[in-house]
N, C-alpha and C. Protein backbone atom coordinates (compact mmCIF):
# COMPACT_ATOMS: atom_id res chain seq x y z
N MET A 1 0.90 -1.08 0.22
CA MET A 1 -0.06 0.31 -0.22
C MET A 1 1.08 1.37 0.04
N SER A 2 0.39 2.12 -0.73
CA SER A 2 1.32 3.34 -1.04
C SER A 2 0.50 4.59 -0.07
N ASN A 3 1.51 5.02 0.63
CA ASN A 3 1.02 6.34 1.08
C ASN A 3 1.47 7.94 0.49
N SER A 4 1.41 7.74 -0.83
CA SER A 4 1.95 8.70 -1.42
C SER A 4 0.81 9.77 -1.55
N ASN A 5 -0.25 9.38 -1.51
CA ASN A 5 -1.61 10.23 -1.46
C ASN A 5 -2.02 11.29 -0.45
N PHE A 6 -0.96 11.04 0.53
CA PHE A 6 -1.42 11.62 1.87
C PHE A 6 -0.27 12.59 2.49
N PRO A 7 -0.27 13.14 3.23
CA PRO A 7 0.70 14.18 3.67
C PRO A 7 1.24 13.09 4.60
N PRO A 8 2.61 13.48 4.96
CA PRO A 8 3.47 12.38 6.22
C PRO A 8 2.39 13.03 7.49
N VAL A 9 2.73 11.67 8.14
CA VAL A 9 2.24 11.73 9.70
C VAL A 9 3.21 12.12 10.46
N GLU A 10 2.83 13.27 11.34
CA GLU A 10 3.32 13.66 12.55
C GLU A 10 3.35 12.57 14.06
N ILE A 11 3.92 11.72 13.98
CA ILE A 11 3.80 10.81 15.28
C ILE A 11 3.30 11.59 16.66
N ALA A 12 4.20 12.75 16.67
CA ALA A 12 3.96 13.29 18.19
C ALA A 12 2.58 13.95 18.04
N THR A 13 1.97 14.20 17.12
CA THR A 13 0.57 14.89 17.34
C THR A 13 -0.57 13.78 17.44
N LEU A 14 -0.33 12.27 17.35
CA LEU A 14 -1.40 11.70 17.00
C LEU A 14 -1.90 11.57 18.26
N SER A 15 -3.19 11.04 18.38
CA SER A 15 -3.96 10.76 19.83
C SER A 15 -3.85 9.36 20.28
N GLU A 16 -4.20 9.13 21.16
CA GLU A 16 -3.54 7.52 21.87
C GLU A 16 -4.02 6.39 21.00
N GLU A 17 -5.09 6.31 20.38
CA GLU A 17 -6.13 5.74 19.84
C GLU A 17 -5.10 5.47 18.75
N GLN A 18 -5.14 6.81 17.69
CA GLN A 18 -4.30 6.52 16.75
C GLN A 18 -2.77 5.93 16.85
N LYS A 19 -2.27 6.24 18.05
CA LYS A 19 -0.87 5.36 18.08
C LYS A 19 -0.96 3.93 18.65
N ARG A 20 -2.10 3.57 19.23
CA ARG A 20 -2.67 2.14 19.29
C ARG A 20 -2.47 1.56 18.36
N GLY A 21 -3.27 2.18 17.21
CA GLY A 21 -3.82 1.34 15.74
C GLY A 21 -5.21 1.05 15.64
N SER A 22 -6.11 1.54 16.66
CA SER A 22 -7.53 1.57 16.99
C SER A 22 -8.37 2.40 15.85
N THR A 23 -7.74 3.64 15.61
CA THR A 23 -8.20 4.38 14.34
C THR A 23 -7.37 4.72 13.36
N CYS A 24 -7.51 5.22 12.59
CA CYS A 24 -6.43 5.65 11.36
C CYS A 24 -5.88 7.25 11.45
N ALA A 25 -4.26 6.77 11.53
CA ALA A 25 -3.38 7.50 11.73
C ALA A 25 -3.64 9.14 11.32
N ARG A 26 -3.98 9.07 9.98
CA ARG A 26 -4.30 10.20 9.08
C ARG A 26 -5.79 10.96 9.51
N CYS A 27 -6.91 10.12 9.67
CA CYS A 27 -8.32 10.84 9.80
C CYS A 27 -8.68 10.80 11.20
N GLY A 28 -8.32 9.84 11.68
CA GLY A 28 -9.07 9.21 13.23
C GLY A 28 -10.12 8.65 13.20
N ARG A 29 -10.55 8.07 11.77
CA ARG A 29 -11.66 7.29 11.71
C ARG A 29 -11.24 5.85 11.79
N VAL A 30 -12.08 4.88 11.40
CA VAL A 30 -11.70 3.61 11.78
C VAL A 30 -10.95 3.05 10.86
N PRO A 31 -10.13 2.07 11.14
CA PRO A 31 -8.59 1.88 10.15
C PRO A 31 -9.16 0.85 9.19
N LEU A 32 -8.47 0.57 8.28
CA LEU A 32 -8.57 -0.24 7.19
C LEU A 32 -7.53 -1.00 6.59
N SER A 33 -6.42 -0.47 6.64
CA SER A 33 -5.39 -1.07 5.96
C SER A 33 -3.84 -0.77 7.27
N PRO A 34 -2.74 -1.56 7.39
CA PRO A 34 -1.77 -1.01 8.27
C PRO A 34 -0.49 -0.45 7.29
N GLN A 35 -0.12 0.31 7.78
CA GLN A 35 1.21 0.94 7.18
C GLN A 35 2.14 1.33 8.06
N SER A 36 3.22 1.61 7.59
CA SER A 36 4.70 2.03 8.61
C SER A 36 5.07 3.35 8.20
N PHE A 37 5.05 4.10 9.09
CA PHE A 37 5.35 5.54 9.19
C PHE A 37 6.59 5.93 10.11
N ASP A 38 7.72 6.31 9.63
CA ASP A 38 9.06 6.53 10.27
C ASP A 38 9.28 5.45 11.16
N GLY A 39 8.86 4.42 10.83
CA GLY A 39 9.48 3.05 11.75
C GLY A 39 8.56 2.65 12.29
N THR A 40 7.42 3.26 12.51
CA THR A 40 6.19 2.93 13.56
C THR A 40 5.13 2.26 12.72
N ASP A 41 4.56 1.12 12.89
CA ASP A 41 3.44 0.66 12.34
C ASP A 41 2.10 1.07 12.80
N LEU A 42 1.55 1.57 12.06
CA LEU A 42 -0.07 2.28 12.50
C LEU A 42 -1.13 1.68 11.53
N VAL A 43 -2.36 1.93 11.38
CA VAL A 43 -3.11 1.69 10.63
C VAL A 43 -4.11 3.05 10.01
N VAL A 44 -4.48 3.00 8.71
CA VAL A 44 -4.67 4.31 8.03
C VAL A 44 -5.69 3.57 7.14
N CYS A 45 -6.50 4.33 6.42
CA CYS A 45 -7.52 4.09 5.56
C CYS A 45 -6.64 3.50 4.41
N ALA A 46 -7.38 2.92 3.49
CA ALA A 46 -6.81 2.18 2.73
C ALA A 46 -6.76 3.36 1.11
N ASP A 47 -6.10 3.02 0.67
CA ASP A 47 -5.98 3.97 -0.52
C ASP A 47 -7.28 4.23 -1.50
N GLU A 48 -8.09 2.92 -1.60
CA GLU A 48 -9.09 3.22 -2.16
C GLU A 48 -10.56 4.02 -1.56
N HIS A 49 -9.85 4.53 -0.39
CA HIS A 49 -10.68 4.83 0.81
C HIS A 49 -10.05 6.41 0.96
N ALA A 50 -9.40 7.04 -0.06
CA ALA A 50 -8.80 7.99 0.16
C ALA A 50 -9.61 9.23 0.14
N ARG A 51 -10.62 9.28 -0.31
CA ARG A 51 -12.02 10.31 -0.32
C ARG A 51 -12.55 10.57 0.94
N ILE A 52 -12.49 9.64 2.17
CA ILE A 52 -12.85 9.64 3.54
C ILE A 52 -12.03 9.98 4.25
N CYS A 53 -10.89 9.75 4.02
CA CYS A 53 -9.15 10.00 4.85
C CYS A 53 -8.94 11.52 4.69
N THR A 54 -9.54 12.26 5.26
CA THR A 54 -9.24 13.84 5.29
C THR A 54 -9.47 14.35 6.63
N ASP A 55 -9.34 15.66 6.95
CA ASP A 55 -9.78 16.52 8.20
C ASP A 55 -10.95 16.63 7.96
N SER A 56 -11.40 16.79 6.96
CA SER A 56 -12.95 17.38 6.90
C SER A 56 -14.17 16.33 6.74
N VAL A 57 -14.96 16.90 6.39
CA VAL A 57 -16.50 15.59 6.88
C VAL A 57 -16.62 14.14 5.56
N PHE A 58 -16.35 13.09 5.98
CA PHE A 58 -16.09 12.11 4.85
C PHE A 58 -17.38 12.49 3.97
N TRP A 59 -18.24 12.83 4.09
CA TRP A 59 -19.45 12.65 2.61
C TRP A 59 -19.31 14.18 2.25
N LEU A 60 -18.33 14.94 2.25
CA LEU A 60 -18.49 15.79 1.37
C LEU A 60 -17.35 15.74 0.25
N THR A 61 -17.84 15.87 -1.02
CA THR A 61 -17.14 14.83 -2.09
C THR A 61 -16.59 16.46 -2.96
N GLN A 62 -16.48 17.62 -2.67
CA GLN A 62 -16.60 18.80 -3.24
C GLN A 62 -16.26 19.59 -2.07
N PRO A 63 -15.38 20.86 -2.72
CA PRO A 63 -15.13 21.74 -1.24
C PRO A 63 -16.62 22.59 -1.26
N CYS A 64 -16.93 23.47 -0.18
CA CYS A 64 -18.19 23.84 0.08
C CYS A 64 -18.06 25.45 -0.82
N PRO A 65 -19.06 25.98 -1.12
CA PRO A 65 -19.35 27.04 -1.48
C PRO A 65 -18.57 28.28 -0.49
N TRP A 66 -18.44 29.11 -1.37
CA TRP A 66 -17.68 30.03 -0.48
C TRP A 66 -18.32 30.56 0.47
N TRP A 67 -19.90 31.00 0.55
CA TRP A 67 -20.43 31.48 1.05
C TRP A 67 -20.75 30.32 2.64
N CYS A 68 -20.48 29.34 2.64
CA CYS A 68 -21.06 27.96 3.28
C CYS A 68 -20.06 28.29 4.70
N ASP A 69 -21.12 28.12 5.46
CA ASP A 69 -20.54 28.08 7.14
C ASP A 69 -20.07 26.80 7.50
N SER A 70 -18.83 26.27 6.97
CA SER A 70 -18.76 25.02 7.12
C SER A 70 -18.70 24.23 8.43
N GLY A 71 -18.84 24.92 9.64
CA GLY A 71 -18.79 24.46 10.91
C GLY A 71 -19.66 23.86 11.34
N TRP A 72 -20.83 23.96 10.34
CA TRP A 72 -22.11 23.33 10.27
C TRP A 72 -22.12 21.48 10.06
N HIS A 73 -21.08 21.36 9.44
CA HIS A 73 -20.94 19.75 8.89
C HIS A 73 -20.14 19.33 9.92
N SER A 74 -20.99 17.74 9.80
CA SER A 74 -20.35 16.60 11.02
C SER A 74 -20.48 15.51 10.08
N ASP A 75 -19.53 14.60 10.51
CA ASP A 75 -19.68 13.07 10.00
C ASP A 75 -20.98 12.75 10.47
N ASP A 76 -21.58 12.93 11.52
CA ASP A 76 -22.69 12.23 12.07
C ASP A 76 -24.20 12.80 11.32
N ASP A 77 -24.00 13.77 10.25
CA ASP A 77 -24.91 14.68 9.90
C ASP A 77 -25.72 12.97 8.98
N ARG A 78 -27.15 13.34 9.05
CA ARG A 78 -27.97 12.36 8.18
C ARG A 78 -28.01 12.91 6.86
N GLY A 79 -28.60 12.18 5.81
CA GLY A 79 -28.34 12.44 4.45
C GLY A 79 -29.20 13.70 4.49
N ALA A 80 -30.43 14.11 5.09
CA ALA A 80 -31.21 15.02 4.93
C ALA A 80 -30.61 16.37 5.26
N ASP A 81 -29.55 16.12 6.26
CA ASP A 81 -29.02 17.15 6.63
C ASP A 81 -27.81 17.66 6.44
N ARG A 82 -27.30 17.05 5.32
CA ARG A 82 -26.06 17.33 4.33
C ARG A 82 -26.33 18.38 3.67
N ARG A 83 -26.04 19.74 4.35
CA ARG A 83 -26.07 20.85 3.30
C ARG A 83 -25.26 21.92 3.61
N HIS A 84 -25.28 22.70 2.72
CA HIS A 84 -24.67 23.96 3.10
C HIS A 84 -25.27 25.26 3.33
N MET A 85 -25.08 25.95 4.63
CA MET A 85 -26.02 27.20 5.12
C MET A 85 -24.98 28.39 4.98
N SER A 86 -25.49 29.56 4.70
CA SER A 86 -25.06 30.69 4.44
C SER A 86 -24.82 31.22 6.21
N GLU A 87 -23.58 31.64 6.47
CA GLU A 87 -23.32 32.30 7.71
C GLU A 87 -24.22 33.39 7.90
N TRP A 88 -24.23 34.21 6.44
CA TRP A 88 -25.00 35.34 6.47
C TRP A 88 -26.34 35.48 5.89
N THR A 89 -27.03 36.06 7.14
CA THR A 89 -28.61 35.99 7.19
C THR A 89 -29.08 37.63 7.11
N GLY A 90 -29.70 38.05 6.28
CA GLY A 90 -30.36 39.14 5.87
C GLY A 90 -31.84 38.96 6.90
N ASN A 91 -31.86 40.35 7.36
CA ASN A 91 -33.13 40.49 8.14
C ASN A 91 -33.44 41.91 8.26
N VAL A 92 -34.89 41.82 7.86
CA VAL A 92 -35.48 43.11 7.77
C VAL A 92 -36.76 43.20 8.56
N PRO A 93 -36.77 44.07 9.51
CA PRO A 93 -37.83 44.52 10.61
C PRO A 93 -39.05 44.77 9.99
N LEU A 94 -39.96 44.08 10.46
CA LEU A 94 -41.10 44.50 9.84
C LEU A 94 -42.26 45.24 10.91
N VAL A 95 -42.37 46.64 10.45
CA VAL A 95 -43.03 47.27 11.79
C VAL A 95 -44.46 47.13 11.43
N LEU A 96 -45.15 46.84 10.62
CA LEU A 96 -46.41 46.57 10.62
C LEU A 96 -47.15 45.65 11.05
N GLU A 97 -45.93 44.29 11.56
CA GLU A 97 -46.56 43.23 11.99
C GLU A 97 -46.45 43.35 13.59
N ASP A 98 -47.29 42.49 14.34
CA ASP A 98 -47.00 42.40 15.81
C ASP A 98 -45.98 42.01 16.10
N GLY A 99 -45.13 42.75 17.14
CA GLY A 99 -44.00 42.02 18.01
C GLY A 99 -44.35 40.82 18.89
N ASP A 100 -43.42 40.37 19.20
CA ASP A 100 -43.14 38.90 20.27
C ASP A 100 -42.37 39.26 21.49
N ARG A 101 -43.19 38.70 22.43
CA ARG A 101 -42.44 38.64 23.84
C ARG A 101 -41.42 37.56 23.78
N MET A 102 -39.89 37.77 23.88
CA MET A 102 -39.30 36.49 24.22
C MET A 102 -38.98 36.06 25.42
N GLY A 103 -39.62 36.25 26.44
CA GLY A 103 -39.83 36.10 27.99
C GLY A 103 -40.19 36.91 28.67
N ASN A 104 -40.58 36.15 29.97
CA ASN A 104 -41.01 36.96 30.77
C ASN A 104 -40.39 38.41 31.11
N GLY A 105 -40.53 39.48 31.44
CA GLY A 105 -39.88 40.54 31.79
C GLY A 105 -39.22 41.02 30.76
N LEU A 106 -39.05 40.82 29.55
CA LEU A 106 -38.30 41.03 28.15
C LEU A 106 -39.16 42.23 27.47
N PRO A 107 -38.96 42.86 26.57
CA PRO A 107 -39.41 43.92 25.86
C PRO A 107 -40.02 43.06 24.64
N TYR A 108 -40.90 43.78 23.85
CA TYR A 108 -41.29 43.11 22.67
C TYR A 108 -40.51 43.12 21.54
N GLN A 109 -40.20 41.92 20.70
CA GLN A 109 -39.20 42.14 19.66
C GLN A 109 -40.23 42.21 18.72
N PRO A 110 -39.41 43.06 17.60
CA PRO A 110 -40.24 42.95 16.31
C PRO A 110 -40.13 41.81 15.63
N GLU A 111 -41.13 41.74 14.98
CA GLU A 111 -41.03 40.48 13.81
C GLU A 111 -40.01 41.01 12.52
N TYR A 112 -39.73 40.11 12.03
CA TYR A 112 -38.65 40.20 10.72
C TYR A 112 -38.93 39.53 9.56
N ALA A 113 -38.24 40.01 8.31
CA ALA A 113 -38.26 38.50 7.23
C ALA A 113 -36.90 38.43 7.24
N THR A 114 -36.42 37.20 7.08
CA THR A 114 -35.03 36.60 7.27
C THR A 114 -34.96 36.26 5.69
N VAL A 115 -33.61 36.17 5.32
CA VAL A 115 -33.58 35.56 4.01
C VAL A 115 -31.98 34.74 4.36
N HIS A 116 -31.33 33.57 3.73
CA HIS A 116 -30.32 33.32 3.61
C HIS A 116 -30.47 32.14 2.54
N LEU A 117 -28.94 31.53 2.47
CA LEU A 117 -28.96 30.57 1.48
C LEU A 117 -28.45 29.26 1.84
N LEU A 118 -29.03 28.06 1.08
CA LEU A 118 -28.65 26.97 1.46
C LEU A 118 -28.63 26.09 0.27
N GLN A 119 -27.94 24.86 0.27
CA GLN A 119 -27.67 24.10 -1.22
C GLN A 119 -27.40 22.62 -0.41
N GLY A 120 -28.34 21.85 -0.61
CA GLY A 120 -28.08 20.39 -0.64
C GLY A 120 -26.97 20.08 -1.24
N VAL A 121 -26.18 19.00 -0.38
CA VAL A 121 -24.81 18.71 -0.98
C VAL A 121 -24.82 17.93 -2.16
N ARG A 122 -25.85 17.70 -2.78
CA ARG A 122 -25.89 16.94 -3.72
C ARG A 122 -26.65 17.66 -4.84
N GLU A 123 -27.08 19.09 -4.52
CA GLU A 123 -27.93 19.98 -5.49
C GLU A 123 -27.03 20.87 -6.10
N ILE A 124 -27.48 21.48 -7.48
CA ILE A 124 -26.44 22.08 -8.08
C ILE A 124 -26.30 23.41 -8.37
N GLU A 125 -27.16 23.86 -7.30
CA GLU A 125 -27.24 25.68 -7.17
C GLU A 125 -27.96 25.49 -5.89
N PRO A 126 -27.66 26.87 -5.25
CA PRO A 126 -28.31 27.50 -4.11
C PRO A 126 -29.57 27.66 -3.70
N ARG A 127 -30.41 27.39 -3.11
CA ARG A 127 -31.71 27.97 -2.95
C ARG A 127 -31.70 29.18 -2.17
N ILE A 128 -32.48 30.21 -1.98
CA ILE A 128 -32.53 31.33 -1.20
C ILE A 128 -33.70 31.08 -0.33
N TRP A 129 -34.03 30.84 1.06
CA TRP A 129 -34.90 30.93 1.81
C TRP A 129 -35.29 32.32 2.19
N CYS A 130 -36.72 32.37 2.02
CA CYS A 130 -37.21 33.92 2.47
C CYS A 130 -38.24 33.48 3.22
N GLY A 131 -38.57 34.11 4.75
CA GLY A 131 -39.75 33.66 5.28
C GLY A 131 -39.93 34.72 6.70
N LYS A 132 -40.78 34.37 7.46
CA LYS A 132 -40.98 34.98 9.02
C LYS A 132 -39.89 34.54 10.06
N GLY A 133 -38.85 35.50 10.24
CA GLY A 133 -38.04 35.19 11.49
C GLY A 133 -37.43 34.16 11.30
N GLU A 134 -37.63 33.34 12.55
CA GLU A 134 -36.75 32.06 12.48
C GLU A 134 -37.72 30.68 12.57
N THR A 135 -39.03 31.37 11.87
CA THR A 135 -39.73 30.24 11.74
C THR A 135 -39.70 28.99 10.44
N ASN A 136 -40.61 28.22 10.27
CA ASN A 136 -40.39 27.87 9.14
C ASN A 136 -41.28 28.22 7.86
N HIS A 137 -41.91 29.25 8.53
CA HIS A 137 -42.96 29.76 7.70
C HIS A 137 -42.32 30.62 6.49
N GLY A 138 -42.24 30.18 5.22
CA GLY A 138 -41.33 30.78 4.41
C GLY A 138 -41.51 29.93 3.04
N TRP A 139 -40.58 30.19 2.23
CA TRP A 139 -40.43 29.28 1.00
C TRP A 139 -38.74 29.68 0.48
N TYR A 140 -38.69 28.55 -0.42
CA TYR A 140 -37.32 28.57 -1.28
C TYR A 140 -37.41 29.16 -2.48
N MET A 141 -36.78 29.91 -3.01
CA MET A 141 -36.69 30.43 -4.49
C MET A 141 -35.18 30.23 -5.30
N THR A 142 -35.16 30.51 -6.44
CA THR A 142 -34.02 30.44 -7.11
C THR A 142 -33.60 31.59 -7.33
N PRO A 143 -32.17 31.57 -7.62
CA PRO A 143 -31.71 33.03 -7.61
C PRO A 143 -32.16 33.87 -8.67
N ALA A 144 -32.68 33.28 -9.99
CA ALA A 144 -33.62 33.80 -11.11
C ALA A 144 -34.90 34.38 -10.33
N GLU A 145 -35.52 33.71 -9.50
CA GLU A 145 -36.87 34.12 -9.07
C GLU A 145 -36.86 35.39 -7.72
N THR A 146 -35.63 34.91 -7.26
CA THR A 146 -35.03 35.93 -6.15
C THR A 146 -35.26 37.51 -6.85
N ARG A 147 -34.15 37.41 -7.69
CA ARG A 147 -34.13 38.53 -8.58
C ARG A 147 -35.36 39.32 -9.22
N GLU A 148 -36.33 38.27 -9.47
CA GLU A 148 -37.85 38.67 -9.99
C GLU A 148 -38.40 39.49 -9.08
N LEU A 149 -38.45 38.64 -7.94
CA LEU A 149 -38.91 39.23 -6.56
C LEU A 149 -38.54 40.68 -6.11
N ALA A 150 -37.32 40.75 -6.29
CA ALA A 150 -36.52 42.05 -5.90
C ALA A 150 -37.31 42.84 -6.77
N ALA A 151 -37.03 43.03 -8.02
CA ALA A 151 -37.70 43.59 -8.89
C ALA A 151 -38.84 44.14 -8.68
N THR A 152 -39.56 43.19 -8.46
CA THR A 152 -41.49 43.49 -8.21
C THR A 152 -41.44 44.27 -6.67
N LEU A 153 -40.82 43.95 -5.91
CA LEU A 153 -40.91 44.46 -4.68
C LEU A 153 -40.46 46.10 -4.90
N THR A 154 -39.53 46.47 -5.62
CA THR A 154 -38.93 47.76 -6.32
C THR A 154 -40.10 48.13 -6.45
N SER A 155 -40.18 47.89 -7.75
CA SER A 155 -41.63 48.70 -8.48
C SER A 155 -42.54 48.84 -7.35
N ALA A 156 -42.72 48.00 -6.78
CA ALA A 156 -44.23 48.42 -5.55
C ALA A 156 -43.62 49.48 -4.77
N ALA A 157 -42.39 49.76 -4.24
CA ALA A 157 -41.91 50.79 -3.40
C ALA A 157 -41.95 51.88 -3.86
N GLU A 158 -41.50 52.00 -5.29
CA GLU A 158 -41.25 53.07 -5.99
C GLU A 158 -42.84 53.67 -6.22
N MET A 159 -43.59 52.73 -6.46
CA MET A 159 -44.88 53.43 -6.66
C MET A 159 -45.66 53.71 -5.42
N ALA A 160 -45.55 53.17 -4.45
CA ALA A 160 -46.03 53.92 -3.04
C ALA A 160 -45.55 55.00 -2.91
N GLU A 161 -44.01 55.39 -3.17
CA GLU A 161 -43.38 56.83 -2.48
C GLU A 161 -43.72 57.54 -3.65
N ARG A 162 -44.12 57.58 -5.16
CA ARG A 162 -44.34 58.55 -5.78
C ARG A 162 -45.44 59.37 -5.18
N GLN A 163 -45.13 60.40 -5.47
CA GLN A 163 -46.44 61.53 -5.08
C GLN A 163 -47.20 61.72 -6.17
N VAL A 164 -46.76 61.75 -7.22
CA VAL A 164 -47.72 61.89 -8.38
C VAL A 164 -47.33 60.93 -9.40
N ALA A 165 -48.87 60.44 -9.79
CA ALA A 165 -48.84 59.50 -11.01
C ALA A 165 -48.37 60.16 -12.31
N PRO A 166 -47.23 59.26 -12.91
CA PRO A 166 -46.76 59.48 -14.31
C PRO A 166 -48.01 59.89 -15.34
N ALA A 167 -47.60 60.74 -16.03
CA ALA A 167 -48.78 61.36 -16.91
C ALA A 167 -49.42 60.31 -17.70
N THR A 168 -48.70 59.07 -18.06
CA THR A 168 -49.03 57.73 -19.23
C THR A 168 -49.78 57.16 -18.28
N ALA A 169 -49.93 56.87 -16.92
CA ALA A 169 -50.74 56.12 -16.17
C ALA A 169 -51.59 56.83 -15.15
N ALA A 170 -52.16 58.31 -15.61
CA ALA A 170 -53.41 58.86 -15.20
C ALA A 170 -54.48 58.19 -15.67
N ILE A 171 -55.35 58.08 -14.84
CA ILE A 171 -56.61 57.32 -14.87
C ILE A 171 -58.13 58.54 -14.51
N ALA A 172 -58.72 58.13 -15.19
CA ALA A 172 -59.79 59.75 -15.08
C ALA A 172 -60.61 58.89 -13.70
N CYS A 173 -61.40 59.33 -12.48
CA CYS A 173 -61.45 58.90 -11.25
C CYS A 173 -63.40 59.56 -11.90
């Protein structure tokens, strides 16, 4: 077995389990084949399992998108939970909505619209989630749908703020 696909192992930095040979000397996961490093016999993932023998999460087959807060990923994530999530969250206070008390003695907090990105690890593009606060009351949109909604909201805001109707839009009452 060749260990050319992997960086050299620093014996001094290994855990006791890795030194004893009960977990892989490279990634700390279950061992699959014996190897010798600097004259020390250890166990490591076999070359055919190089994809999972890394410091990263074993089920990631590609790097995270630039916007993903990869601190959320874990080896024990179930299939449905394996997704990239944005650290960035857009929040817009909704002053016309009723506020909510977050606990006894605390002031009312405004309701807000929330936007963030997420993408299942096997999906080809991110989805934009837009909804009410930290609830699950919202919807997913493609980037194209998000741009269309943004343009529609901008048009509505411009119409609401316009003091005089344009001459072409004058309606006889």
